[in-house]
């Protein structure tokens, strides 16, 4: 193994906790995955935080045990576990708008933690029926069981669907759910009425 290969392996080993944390974070949120450079930057940030948490934890634990060393590989394992825990906390925080909610209360920002206004609207109005305005002028009323994280990708899963026409509505009898591509939806109406009981999956 030459010097360059050895250095590359060392860098990858150092970034391992951050890379694992980044994968966990992006798999649990609707944030678009960054390019290679952005991924490395995020992995580095996660790694630094995980290494700091690991150092604090190991210092506390082994000072309490009266030892100044730990088993080989313990630091790497704890770093990876710390990074995963950090990623889970951050995913929960951004999915519930926790950090920005606090900052809005003290007038630091007007922004949210959500990746887009689309995601924010569906997060805040999860307990209501919707009307999907489709390309071509068709309108579909129903209960959204699932919706795409981005309007250009994925599908809506609509239960209790009804086609809305000029003379009223036509329920989709005998149909449990209907899949609508997100790219076919031009506008979404969130209705005011909140159902007493949501459809069961």
N, C-alpha and C. Protein backbone atom coordinates (compact mmCIF):
# COMPACT_ATOMS: atom_id res chain seq x y z
N UNK A 1 0.86 -1.19 0.00
CA UNK A 1 0.00 0.00 0.00
C UNK A 1 0.89 1.24 0.00
N UNK A 2 0.72 2.12 -1.02
CA UNK A 2 1.56 3.29 -1.10
C UNK A 2 1.04 4.38 -0.17
N UNK A 3 1.79 5.49 -0.12
CA UNK A 3 1.47 6.58 0.83
C UNK A 3 0.11 7.20 0.54
N UNK A 4 -0.19 7.45 -0.76
CA UNK A 4 -1.46 8.09 -1.13
C UNK A 4 -2.64 7.24 -0.71
N UNK A 5 -2.54 5.92 -0.95
CA UNK A 5 -3.62 5.03 -0.58
C UNK A 5 -3.81 4.99 0.93
N UNK A 6 -2.70 4.97 1.64
CA UNK A 6 -2.76 4.97 3.10
C UNK A 6 -3.43 6.23 3.62
N UNK A 7 -3.07 7.39 3.03
CA UNK A 7 -3.69 8.65 3.44
C UNK A 7 -5.19 8.65 3.14
N UNK A 8 -5.60 8.11 1.99
CA UNK A 8 -7.02 8.07 1.62
C UNK A 8 -7.81 7.21 2.60
N UNK A 9 -7.21 6.07 2.98
CA UNK A 9 -7.88 5.20 3.95
C UNK A 9 -8.02 5.89 5.29
N UNK A 10 -6.98 6.61 5.70
CA UNK A 10 -7.03 7.34 6.97
C UNK A 10 -8.12 8.41 6.96
N UNK A 11 -8.24 9.12 5.83
CA UNK A 11 -9.27 10.16 5.72
C UNK A 11 -10.66 9.54 5.77
N UNK A 12 -10.85 8.44 5.06
CA UNK A 12 -12.15 7.77 5.07
C UNK A 12 -12.49 7.24 6.46
N UNK A 13 -11.50 6.72 7.16
CA UNK A 13 -11.73 6.23 8.52
C UNK A 13 -12.11 7.37 9.45
N UNK A 14 -11.47 8.54 9.24
CA UNK A 14 -11.79 9.70 10.07
C UNK A 14 -13.21 10.20 9.80
N UNK A 15 -13.62 10.18 8.50
CA UNK A 15 -14.93 10.69 8.12
C UNK A 15 -16.05 9.67 8.28
N UNK A 16 -15.72 8.44 8.63
CA UNK A 16 -16.73 7.38 8.71
C UNK A 16 -17.93 7.76 9.58
N UNK A 17 -17.74 8.26 10.81
CA UNK A 17 -18.90 8.62 11.63
C UNK A 17 -19.79 9.66 10.94
N UNK A 18 -19.16 10.66 10.32
CA UNK A 18 -19.93 11.70 9.65
C UNK A 18 -20.66 11.20 8.42
N UNK A 19 -20.03 10.32 7.66
CA UNK A 19 -20.69 9.74 6.49
C UNK A 19 -21.91 8.92 6.88
N UNK A 20 -21.76 8.12 7.94
CA UNK A 20 -22.89 7.32 8.43
C UNK A 20 -24.00 8.24 8.92
N UNK A 21 -23.64 9.29 9.66
CA UNK A 21 -24.64 10.22 10.19
C UNK A 21 -25.37 10.94 9.06
N UNK A 22 -24.64 11.33 8.02
CA UNK A 22 -25.26 12.02 6.89
C UNK A 22 -26.27 11.12 6.20
N UNK A 23 -25.93 9.84 6.03
CA UNK A 23 -26.87 8.90 5.42
C UNK A 23 -28.14 8.77 6.26
N UNK A 24 -27.97 8.67 7.58
CA UNK A 24 -29.13 8.56 8.48
C UNK A 24 -29.97 9.82 8.39
N UNK A 25 -29.35 10.99 8.44
CA UNK A 25 -30.08 12.25 8.42
C UNK A 25 -30.90 12.41 7.14
N UNK A 26 -30.28 12.20 6.00
CA UNK A 26 -30.98 12.41 4.73
C UNK A 26 -32.02 11.34 4.44
N UNK A 27 -31.87 10.17 5.05
CA UNK A 27 -32.90 9.13 4.86
C UNK A 27 -34.14 9.40 5.71
N UNK A 28 -34.02 10.26 6.73
CA UNK A 28 -35.14 10.53 7.63
C UNK A 28 -35.76 11.91 7.41
N UNK A 29 -35.23 12.68 6.49
CA UNK A 29 -35.77 14.01 6.20
C UNK A 29 -36.03 14.15 4.71
N UNK A 30 -36.72 15.22 4.34
CA UNK A 30 -37.02 15.47 2.93
C UNK A 30 -36.03 16.42 2.28
N UNK A 31 -34.93 16.69 2.96
CA UNK A 31 -33.93 17.56 2.37
C UNK A 31 -33.28 16.87 1.18
N UNK A 32 -33.09 17.61 0.07
CA UNK A 32 -32.41 17.01 -1.09
C UNK A 32 -30.97 16.67 -0.75
N UNK A 33 -30.52 15.55 -1.24
CA UNK A 33 -29.14 15.13 -0.96
C UNK A 33 -28.17 16.07 -1.70
N UNK A 34 -27.11 16.50 -1.02
CA UNK A 34 -26.15 17.42 -1.65
C UNK A 34 -25.25 16.70 -2.65
N UNK A 35 -24.47 17.48 -3.38
CA UNK A 35 -23.47 16.89 -4.27
C UNK A 35 -22.30 16.35 -3.45
N UNK A 36 -21.30 15.81 -4.13
CA UNK A 36 -20.19 15.16 -3.42
C UNK A 36 -19.49 16.12 -2.46
N UNK A 37 -19.26 17.35 -2.92
CA UNK A 37 -18.56 18.31 -2.06
C UNK A 37 -19.41 18.65 -0.83
N UNK A 38 -20.69 18.90 -1.04
CA UNK A 38 -21.58 19.20 0.08
C UNK A 38 -21.69 18.03 1.04
N UNK A 39 -21.69 16.81 0.48
CA UNK A 39 -21.77 15.62 1.33
C UNK A 39 -20.54 15.51 2.22
N UNK A 40 -19.37 15.81 1.66
CA UNK A 40 -18.13 15.76 2.45
C UNK A 40 -18.16 16.81 3.55
N UNK A 41 -18.64 18.02 3.23
CA UNK A 41 -18.72 19.09 4.23
C UNK A 41 -19.65 18.69 5.38
N UNK A 42 -20.82 18.12 5.04
CA UNK A 42 -21.75 17.69 6.08
C UNK A 42 -21.16 16.54 6.90
N UNK A 43 -20.50 15.62 6.22
CA UNK A 43 -19.87 14.51 6.93
C UNK A 43 -18.79 15.02 7.88
N UNK A 44 -18.03 16.02 7.44
CA UNK A 44 -16.99 16.59 8.30
C UNK A 44 -17.61 17.25 9.53
N UNK A 45 -18.72 17.97 9.34
CA UNK A 45 -19.38 18.63 10.47
C UNK A 45 -19.91 17.59 11.46
N UNK A 46 -20.55 16.55 10.95
CA UNK A 46 -21.03 15.47 11.82
C UNK A 46 -19.86 14.80 12.54
N UNK A 47 -18.76 14.60 11.81
CA UNK A 47 -17.61 13.93 12.40
C UNK A 47 -17.02 14.74 13.54
N UNK A 48 -16.86 16.04 13.35
CA UNK A 48 -16.30 16.89 14.40
C UNK A 48 -17.19 16.85 15.64
N UNK A 49 -18.52 16.95 15.44
CA UNK A 49 -19.44 16.90 16.58
C UNK A 49 -19.38 15.54 17.27
N UNK A 50 -19.32 14.47 16.48
CA UNK A 50 -19.26 13.13 17.06
C UNK A 50 -17.95 12.91 17.80
N UNK A 51 -16.84 13.39 17.24
CA UNK A 51 -15.55 13.24 17.91
C UNK A 51 -15.53 14.01 19.23
N UNK A 52 -16.13 15.19 19.25
CA UNK A 52 -16.20 15.97 20.48
C UNK A 52 -17.02 15.24 21.54
N UNK A 53 -18.17 14.70 21.11
CA UNK A 53 -19.02 13.96 22.05
C UNK A 53 -18.31 12.72 22.56
N UNK A 54 -17.57 12.05 21.67
CA UNK A 54 -16.84 10.85 22.07
C UNK A 54 -15.74 11.18 23.07
N UNK A 55 -15.02 12.25 22.82
CA UNK A 55 -13.94 12.65 23.73
C UNK A 55 -14.50 12.97 25.11
N UNK A 56 -15.60 13.71 25.15
CA UNK A 56 -16.23 14.05 26.43
C UNK A 56 -16.69 12.80 27.15
N UNK A 57 -17.34 11.89 26.41
CA UNK A 57 -17.87 10.67 27.02
C UNK A 57 -16.74 9.79 27.56
N UNK A 58 -15.72 9.56 26.73
CA UNK A 58 -14.64 8.68 27.16
C UNK A 58 -13.83 9.30 28.31
N UNK A 59 -13.64 10.60 28.25
CA UNK A 59 -12.93 11.26 29.36
C UNK A 59 -13.68 11.10 30.67
N UNK A 60 -14.99 11.29 30.61
CA UNK A 60 -15.81 11.15 31.82
C UNK A 60 -15.82 9.72 32.32
N UNK A 61 -16.05 8.77 31.40
CA UNK A 61 -16.18 7.36 31.80
C UNK A 61 -14.88 6.84 32.39
N UNK A 62 -13.77 7.08 31.71
CA UNK A 62 -12.52 6.48 32.17
C UNK A 62 -11.89 7.24 33.34
N UNK A 63 -12.25 8.52 33.49
CA UNK A 63 -11.79 9.20 34.69
C UNK A 63 -12.57 8.69 35.90
N UNK A 64 -13.83 8.33 35.69
CA UNK A 64 -14.62 7.75 36.77
C UNK A 64 -14.11 6.36 37.13
N UNK A 65 -13.59 5.62 36.11
CA UNK A 65 -13.06 4.27 36.37
C UNK A 65 -11.61 4.30 36.82
N UNK A 66 -10.99 5.47 36.78
CA UNK A 66 -9.59 5.57 37.19
C UNK A 66 -8.64 5.00 36.15
N UNK A 67 -9.04 5.01 34.88
CA UNK A 67 -8.20 4.47 33.82
C UNK A 67 -7.88 5.57 32.82
N UNK A 68 -6.73 5.47 32.17
CA UNK A 68 -6.37 6.47 31.17
C UNK A 68 -6.26 5.86 29.77
N UNK A 69 -6.83 4.70 29.56
CA UNK A 69 -6.80 4.06 28.25
C UNK A 69 -8.10 3.29 28.04
N UNK A 70 -8.37 2.95 26.80
CA UNK A 70 -9.58 2.19 26.48
C UNK A 70 -9.24 1.14 25.42
N UNK A 71 -10.10 0.14 25.27
CA UNK A 71 -9.80 -0.94 24.32
C UNK A 71 -9.65 -0.43 22.90
N UNK A 72 -8.86 -1.14 22.11
CA UNK A 72 -8.65 -0.76 20.70
C UNK A 72 -9.99 -0.81 19.96
N UNK A 73 -10.26 0.21 19.20
CA UNK A 73 -11.50 0.26 18.43
C UNK A 73 -12.67 0.88 19.17
N UNK A 74 -12.54 1.08 20.48
CA UNK A 74 -13.67 1.62 21.25
C UNK A 74 -14.00 3.03 20.80
N UNK A 75 -12.98 3.81 20.52
CA UNK A 75 -13.22 5.20 20.12
C UNK A 75 -13.97 5.27 18.80
N UNK A 76 -13.61 4.42 17.84
CA UNK A 76 -14.29 4.41 16.55
C UNK A 76 -15.74 4.01 16.70
N UNK A 77 -15.99 2.95 17.46
CA UNK A 77 -17.36 2.47 17.65
C UNK A 77 -18.21 3.55 18.33
N UNK A 78 -17.68 4.16 19.37
CA UNK A 78 -18.43 5.19 20.08
C UNK A 78 -18.64 6.41 19.20
N UNK A 79 -17.65 6.74 18.36
CA UNK A 79 -17.80 7.87 17.44
C UNK A 79 -18.95 7.63 16.46
N UNK A 80 -19.01 6.42 15.92
CA UNK A 80 -20.08 6.10 14.97
C UNK A 80 -21.44 6.14 15.67
N UNK A 81 -21.52 5.55 16.86
CA UNK A 81 -22.78 5.57 17.60
C UNK A 81 -23.19 6.99 17.98
N UNK A 82 -22.23 7.81 18.37
CA UNK A 82 -22.52 9.21 18.70
C UNK A 82 -23.01 9.96 17.47
N UNK A 83 -22.40 9.69 16.33
CA UNK A 83 -22.81 10.37 15.10
C UNK A 83 -24.23 9.97 14.71
N UNK A 84 -24.56 8.69 14.85
CA UNK A 84 -25.91 8.23 14.54
C UNK A 84 -26.92 8.89 15.47
N UNK A 85 -26.61 8.93 16.76
CA UNK A 85 -27.51 9.58 17.72
C UNK A 85 -27.68 11.05 17.39
N UNK A 86 -26.59 11.72 17.03
CA UNK A 86 -26.66 13.13 16.64
C UNK A 86 -27.54 13.32 15.41
N UNK A 87 -27.39 12.44 14.43
CA UNK A 87 -28.19 12.53 13.21
C UNK A 87 -29.68 12.32 13.50
N UNK A 88 -29.99 11.38 14.40
CA UNK A 88 -31.39 11.15 14.77
C UNK A 88 -31.98 12.38 15.46
N UNK A 89 -31.20 13.00 16.35
CA UNK A 89 -31.68 14.20 17.05
C UNK A 89 -31.90 15.34 16.05
N UNK A 90 -30.96 15.51 15.12
CA UNK A 90 -31.09 16.58 14.15
C UNK A 90 -32.26 16.34 13.21
N UNK A 91 -32.47 15.08 12.79
CA UNK A 91 -33.61 14.76 11.93
C UNK A 91 -34.92 15.06 12.64
N UNK A 92 -35.01 14.66 13.90
CA UNK A 92 -36.22 14.95 14.68
C UNK A 92 -36.42 16.46 14.80
N UNK A 93 -35.35 17.18 15.04
CA UNK A 93 -35.44 18.62 15.21
C UNK A 93 -35.94 19.32 13.95
N UNK A 94 -35.37 18.99 12.80
CA UNK A 94 -35.80 19.67 11.57
C UNK A 94 -37.17 19.20 11.12
N UNK A 95 -37.52 17.94 11.39
CA UNK A 95 -38.85 17.46 11.01
C UNK A 95 -39.95 18.09 11.86
N UNK A 96 -39.59 18.63 13.03
CA UNK A 96 -40.58 19.28 13.90
C UNK A 96 -40.33 20.78 14.03
N UNK A 97 -39.41 21.32 13.21
CA UNK A 97 -39.18 22.76 13.16
C UNK A 97 -38.75 23.32 14.51
N UNK A 98 -38.02 22.55 15.31
CA UNK A 98 -37.72 22.95 16.68
C UNK A 98 -36.78 24.16 16.76
N UNK A 99 -35.66 24.11 16.06
CA UNK A 99 -34.68 25.19 16.18
C UNK A 99 -35.24 26.51 15.65
N UNK A 100 -35.84 26.46 14.46
CA UNK A 100 -36.37 27.69 13.87
C UNK A 100 -37.58 28.20 14.64
N UNK A 101 -38.33 27.31 15.26
CA UNK A 101 -39.47 27.74 16.06
C UNK A 101 -38.99 28.62 17.22
N UNK A 102 -37.92 28.18 17.87
CA UNK A 102 -37.35 28.97 18.96
C UNK A 102 -36.81 30.30 18.44
N UNK A 103 -36.10 30.26 17.31
CA UNK A 103 -35.53 31.49 16.76
C UNK A 103 -36.60 32.46 16.27
N UNK A 104 -37.74 31.95 15.80
CA UNK A 104 -38.84 32.84 15.40
C UNK A 104 -39.45 33.54 16.61
N UNK A 105 -39.49 32.85 17.73
CA UNK A 105 -40.07 33.44 18.94
C UNK A 105 -39.26 34.63 19.45
N UNK A 106 -37.97 34.62 19.18
CA UNK A 106 -37.13 35.74 19.63
C UNK A 106 -36.76 36.65 18.45
N UNK A 107 -37.53 36.52 17.36
CA UNK A 107 -37.42 37.40 16.19
C UNK A 107 -36.04 37.39 15.53
N UNK A 108 -35.40 36.25 15.55
CA UNK A 108 -34.12 36.13 14.85
C UNK A 108 -34.34 35.83 13.37
N UNK A 109 -35.42 35.08 13.06
CA UNK A 109 -35.70 34.70 11.68
C UNK A 109 -37.19 34.52 11.49
N UNK A 110 -37.61 34.50 10.24
CA UNK A 110 -38.98 34.17 9.88
C UNK A 110 -39.05 32.84 9.14
N UNK A 111 -37.90 32.22 8.96
CA UNK A 111 -37.82 30.97 8.21
C UNK A 111 -38.25 29.78 9.06
N UNK A 112 -38.44 28.63 8.40
CA UNK A 112 -38.72 27.37 9.09
C UNK A 112 -37.58 26.39 8.82
N UNK A 113 -37.61 25.27 9.52
CA UNK A 113 -36.60 24.23 9.31
C UNK A 113 -36.94 23.33 8.12
N UNK A 114 -38.12 23.49 7.56
CA UNK A 114 -38.57 22.60 6.50
C UNK A 114 -37.85 22.91 5.19
N UNK A 115 -37.66 21.90 4.33
CA UNK A 115 -36.90 22.12 3.10
C UNK A 115 -37.61 22.98 2.06
N UNK A 116 -38.94 23.14 2.17
CA UNK A 116 -39.67 23.94 1.19
C UNK A 116 -41.03 24.32 1.75
N UNK A 117 -41.69 25.29 1.11
CA UNK A 117 -43.04 25.68 1.49
C UNK A 117 -44.01 24.52 1.26
N UNK A 118 -43.76 23.73 0.24
CA UNK A 118 -44.58 22.56 -0.06
C UNK A 118 -44.58 21.61 1.14
N UNK A 119 -43.40 21.29 1.63
CA UNK A 119 -43.29 20.38 2.77
C UNK A 119 -43.92 21.01 4.01
N UNK A 120 -43.71 22.29 4.21
CA UNK A 120 -44.24 22.98 5.37
C UNK A 120 -45.77 22.93 5.39
N UNK A 121 -46.39 23.17 4.25
CA UNK A 121 -47.86 23.15 4.17
C UNK A 121 -48.42 21.78 4.51
N UNK A 122 -47.83 20.73 3.96
CA UNK A 122 -48.34 19.39 4.25
C UNK A 122 -48.04 18.97 5.68
N UNK A 123 -46.97 19.49 6.26
CA UNK A 123 -46.68 19.16 7.65
C UNK A 123 -47.69 19.82 8.59
N UNK A 124 -48.08 21.06 8.29
CA UNK A 124 -48.98 21.80 9.18
C UNK A 124 -50.44 21.42 8.98
N UNK A 125 -50.82 20.94 7.79
CA UNK A 125 -52.21 20.61 7.51
C UNK A 125 -52.35 19.11 7.21
N UNK A 126 -51.99 18.31 8.20
CA UNK A 126 -52.05 16.86 8.02
C UNK A 126 -53.40 16.28 8.40
N UNK A 127 -54.26 17.07 9.04
CA UNK A 127 -55.55 16.57 9.51
C UNK A 127 -56.70 17.20 8.74
N UNK A 128 -56.62 17.20 7.44
CA UNK A 128 -57.73 17.75 6.65
C UNK A 128 -57.75 17.11 5.27
N UNK A 129 -58.93 17.18 4.65
CA UNK A 129 -59.07 16.70 3.29
C UNK A 129 -58.47 17.72 2.32
N UNK A 130 -58.15 17.25 1.12
CA UNK A 130 -57.55 18.13 0.12
C UNK A 130 -58.29 17.99 -1.20
N UNK A 131 -58.11 18.99 -2.05
CA UNK A 131 -58.55 18.93 -3.44
C UNK A 131 -57.32 19.11 -4.31
N UNK A 132 -57.03 18.12 -5.13
CA UNK A 132 -55.91 18.19 -6.05
C UNK A 132 -56.40 18.70 -7.39
N UNK A 133 -55.82 19.80 -7.85
CA UNK A 133 -56.14 20.32 -9.17
C UNK A 133 -55.11 19.74 -10.14
N UNK A 134 -55.59 18.88 -11.03
CA UNK A 134 -54.69 18.16 -11.93
C UNK A 134 -54.57 18.87 -13.27
N UNK A 135 -53.53 18.54 -13.99
CA UNK A 135 -53.37 19.06 -15.35
C UNK A 135 -54.54 18.60 -16.20
N UNK A 136 -55.05 19.49 -17.02
CA UNK A 136 -56.20 19.16 -17.84
C UNK A 136 -57.52 19.60 -17.22
N UNK A 137 -57.45 20.17 -16.00
CA UNK A 137 -58.66 20.71 -15.39
C UNK A 137 -59.40 19.78 -14.46
N UNK A 138 -58.97 18.54 -14.30
CA UNK A 138 -59.67 17.63 -13.39
C UNK A 138 -59.34 17.98 -11.94
N UNK A 139 -60.31 17.69 -11.05
CA UNK A 139 -60.11 17.95 -9.62
C UNK A 139 -60.47 16.69 -8.84
N UNK A 140 -59.60 16.32 -7.90
CA UNK A 140 -59.80 15.12 -7.09
C UNK A 140 -59.87 15.51 -5.62
N UNK A 141 -60.96 15.13 -4.96
CA UNK A 141 -61.14 15.38 -3.53
C UNK A 141 -60.85 14.08 -2.78
N UNK A 142 -60.21 14.18 -1.62
CA UNK A 142 -59.98 12.98 -0.83
C UNK A 142 -59.09 13.24 0.37
N UNK A 143 -58.81 12.13 1.06
CA UNK A 143 -57.97 12.17 2.26
C UNK A 143 -56.55 11.75 1.89
N UNK A 144 -55.54 12.63 2.08
CA UNK A 144 -54.17 12.27 1.69
C UNK A 144 -53.51 11.38 2.75
N UNK A 145 -53.34 10.12 2.42
CA UNK A 145 -52.64 9.22 3.33
C UNK A 145 -51.13 9.44 3.27
N UNK A 146 -50.63 9.70 2.07
CA UNK A 146 -49.22 10.02 1.87
C UNK A 146 -49.11 11.02 0.75
N UNK A 147 -48.01 11.78 0.76
CA UNK A 147 -47.78 12.77 -0.28
C UNK A 147 -46.29 12.85 -0.53
N UNK A 148 -45.91 13.31 -1.74
CA UNK A 148 -44.47 13.38 -2.06
C UNK A 148 -43.79 14.49 -1.29
N UNK A 149 -42.52 14.28 -0.95
CA UNK A 149 -41.75 15.31 -0.27
C UNK A 149 -41.44 16.49 -1.16
N UNK A 150 -41.46 16.27 -2.47
CA UNK A 150 -41.21 17.32 -3.45
C UNK A 150 -42.26 17.22 -4.55
N UNK A 151 -42.77 18.33 -5.05
CA UNK A 151 -43.86 18.27 -6.02
C UNK A 151 -43.51 17.59 -7.33
N UNK A 152 -42.22 17.57 -7.68
CA UNK A 152 -41.84 16.97 -8.97
C UNK A 152 -41.62 15.47 -8.88
N UNK A 153 -41.63 14.92 -7.66
CA UNK A 153 -41.29 13.51 -7.49
C UNK A 153 -42.35 12.81 -6.65
N UNK A 154 -42.47 11.51 -6.83
CA UNK A 154 -43.34 10.72 -5.98
C UNK A 154 -44.81 10.84 -6.34
N UNK A 155 -45.64 10.26 -5.48
CA UNK A 155 -47.08 10.18 -5.73
C UNK A 155 -47.88 10.57 -4.49
N UNK A 156 -49.08 11.06 -4.71
CA UNK A 156 -50.08 11.20 -3.67
C UNK A 156 -50.82 9.89 -3.52
N UNK A 157 -51.06 9.48 -2.29
CA UNK A 157 -51.95 8.34 -2.03
C UNK A 157 -53.22 8.92 -1.43
N UNK A 158 -54.30 8.89 -2.20
CA UNK A 158 -55.57 9.51 -1.81
C UNK A 158 -56.60 8.43 -1.51
N UNK A 159 -57.17 8.50 -0.29
CA UNK A 159 -58.26 7.61 0.10
C UNK A 159 -59.58 8.39 0.07
N UNK A 160 -60.68 7.67 -0.02
CA UNK A 160 -62.02 8.26 -0.08
C UNK A 160 -62.12 9.27 -1.22
N UNK A 161 -61.52 8.93 -2.35
CA UNK A 161 -61.45 9.87 -3.46
C UNK A 161 -62.78 10.12 -4.15
N UNK A 162 -62.96 11.35 -4.60
CA UNK A 162 -64.13 11.74 -5.38
C UNK A 162 -63.69 12.71 -6.46
N UNK A 163 -64.16 12.46 -7.69
CA UNK A 163 -63.89 13.42 -8.76
C UNK A 163 -64.89 14.54 -8.65
N UNK A 164 -64.42 15.78 -8.64
CA UNK A 164 -65.30 16.94 -8.55
C UNK A 164 -65.57 17.46 -9.96
N UNK A 165 -66.86 17.54 -10.28
CA UNK A 165 -67.30 18.02 -11.60
C UNK A 165 -68.32 19.13 -11.39
N UNK A 166 -68.78 19.72 -12.49
CA UNK A 166 -69.67 20.87 -12.39
C UNK A 166 -70.99 20.53 -11.71
N UNK A 167 -71.50 19.33 -11.92
CA UNK A 167 -72.80 18.96 -11.35
C UNK A 167 -72.68 18.26 -10.00
N UNK A 168 -71.51 18.30 -9.38
CA UNK A 168 -71.35 17.71 -8.06
C UNK A 168 -70.06 16.91 -7.96
N UNK A 169 -70.18 15.75 -7.33
CA UNK A 169 -69.00 14.89 -7.17
C UNK A 169 -69.35 13.46 -7.50
N UNK A 170 -68.35 12.70 -7.94
CA UNK A 170 -68.52 11.30 -8.28
C UNK A 170 -67.55 10.46 -7.45
N UNK A 171 -68.04 9.83 -6.36
CA UNK A 171 -67.16 9.00 -5.53
C UNK A 171 -66.56 7.86 -6.32
N UNK A 172 -65.34 7.49 -5.96
CA UNK A 172 -64.68 6.36 -6.60
C UNK A 172 -65.12 5.08 -5.90
N UNK A 173 -66.26 4.58 -6.25
CA UNK A 173 -66.80 3.39 -5.59
C UNK A 173 -65.98 2.16 -5.94
N UNK A 174 -65.75 1.33 -4.93
CA UNK A 174 -64.96 0.12 -5.13
C UNK A 174 -63.48 0.35 -5.20
N UNK A 175 -63.03 1.59 -4.96
CA UNK A 175 -61.62 1.93 -5.02
C UNK A 175 -61.14 2.25 -3.61
N UNK A 176 -60.12 1.56 -3.15
CA UNK A 176 -59.59 1.79 -1.81
C UNK A 176 -58.74 3.06 -1.77
N UNK A 177 -57.76 3.16 -2.66
CA UNK A 177 -56.91 4.34 -2.76
C UNK A 177 -56.63 4.62 -4.23
N UNK A 178 -56.17 5.81 -4.51
CA UNK A 178 -55.76 6.15 -5.87
C UNK A 178 -54.41 6.85 -5.79
N UNK A 179 -53.51 6.47 -6.69
CA UNK A 179 -52.17 7.08 -6.77
C UNK A 179 -52.18 8.17 -7.83
N UNK A 180 -51.71 9.36 -7.43
CA UNK A 180 -51.63 10.49 -8.36
C UNK A 180 -50.19 10.97 -8.40
N UNK A 181 -49.55 10.99 -9.58
CA UNK A 181 -48.18 11.50 -9.66
C UNK A 181 -48.12 12.97 -9.23
N UNK A 182 -47.15 13.30 -8.41
CA UNK A 182 -47.02 14.67 -7.95
C UNK A 182 -46.82 15.66 -9.08
N UNK A 183 -46.16 15.25 -10.15
CA UNK A 183 -45.90 16.17 -11.26
C UNK A 183 -47.15 16.50 -12.05
N UNK A 184 -48.25 15.74 -11.83
CA UNK A 184 -49.51 16.03 -12.50
C UNK A 184 -50.39 17.00 -11.73
N UNK A 185 -49.95 17.40 -10.53
CA UNK A 185 -50.76 18.27 -9.68
C UNK A 185 -50.30 19.71 -9.85
N UNK A 186 -51.25 20.58 -10.24
CA UNK A 186 -50.92 21.99 -10.43
C UNK A 186 -51.18 22.82 -9.18
N UNK A 187 -52.14 22.41 -8.36
CA UNK A 187 -52.47 23.18 -7.16
C UNK A 187 -53.12 22.24 -6.15
N UNK A 188 -52.94 22.54 -4.86
CA UNK A 188 -53.53 21.75 -3.78
C UNK A 188 -54.35 22.67 -2.89
N UNK A 189 -55.62 22.30 -2.65
CA UNK A 189 -56.45 23.02 -1.69
C UNK A 189 -56.52 22.22 -0.41
N UNK A 190 -56.27 22.87 0.73
CA UNK A 190 -56.43 22.25 2.04
C UNK A 190 -57.76 22.74 2.62
N UNK A 191 -58.69 21.84 2.83
CA UNK A 191 -60.02 22.22 3.26
C UNK A 191 -60.06 22.48 4.76
N UNK A 192 -61.00 23.33 5.18
CA UNK A 192 -61.06 23.75 6.57
C UNK A 192 -61.57 22.65 7.49
N UNK A 193 -62.52 21.84 7.01
CA UNK A 193 -63.11 20.83 7.89
C UNK A 193 -62.08 19.79 8.29
N UNK A 194 -62.04 19.49 9.57
CA UNK A 194 -61.18 18.44 10.09
C UNK A 194 -62.03 17.22 10.38
N UNK A 195 -61.76 16.09 9.76
CA UNK A 195 -62.60 14.91 9.98
C UNK A 195 -62.50 14.40 11.41
N UNK A 196 -63.58 13.83 11.88
CA UNK A 196 -63.59 13.26 13.23
C UNK A 196 -62.68 12.06 13.31
N UNK A 197 -62.70 11.25 12.27
CA UNK A 197 -61.87 10.04 12.27
C UNK A 197 -61.19 9.92 10.93
N UNK A 198 -59.88 9.75 10.93
CA UNK A 198 -59.14 9.63 9.69
C UNK A 198 -59.24 8.21 9.16
N UNK A 199 -59.17 8.05 7.84
CA UNK A 199 -59.22 6.70 7.27
C UNK A 199 -58.08 5.83 7.78
N UNK A 200 -58.36 4.61 8.02
CA UNK A 200 -57.33 3.68 8.48
C UNK A 200 -56.68 3.01 7.30
N UNK A 201 -55.37 2.87 7.41
CA UNK A 201 -54.63 2.25 6.32
C UNK A 201 -54.80 0.73 6.36
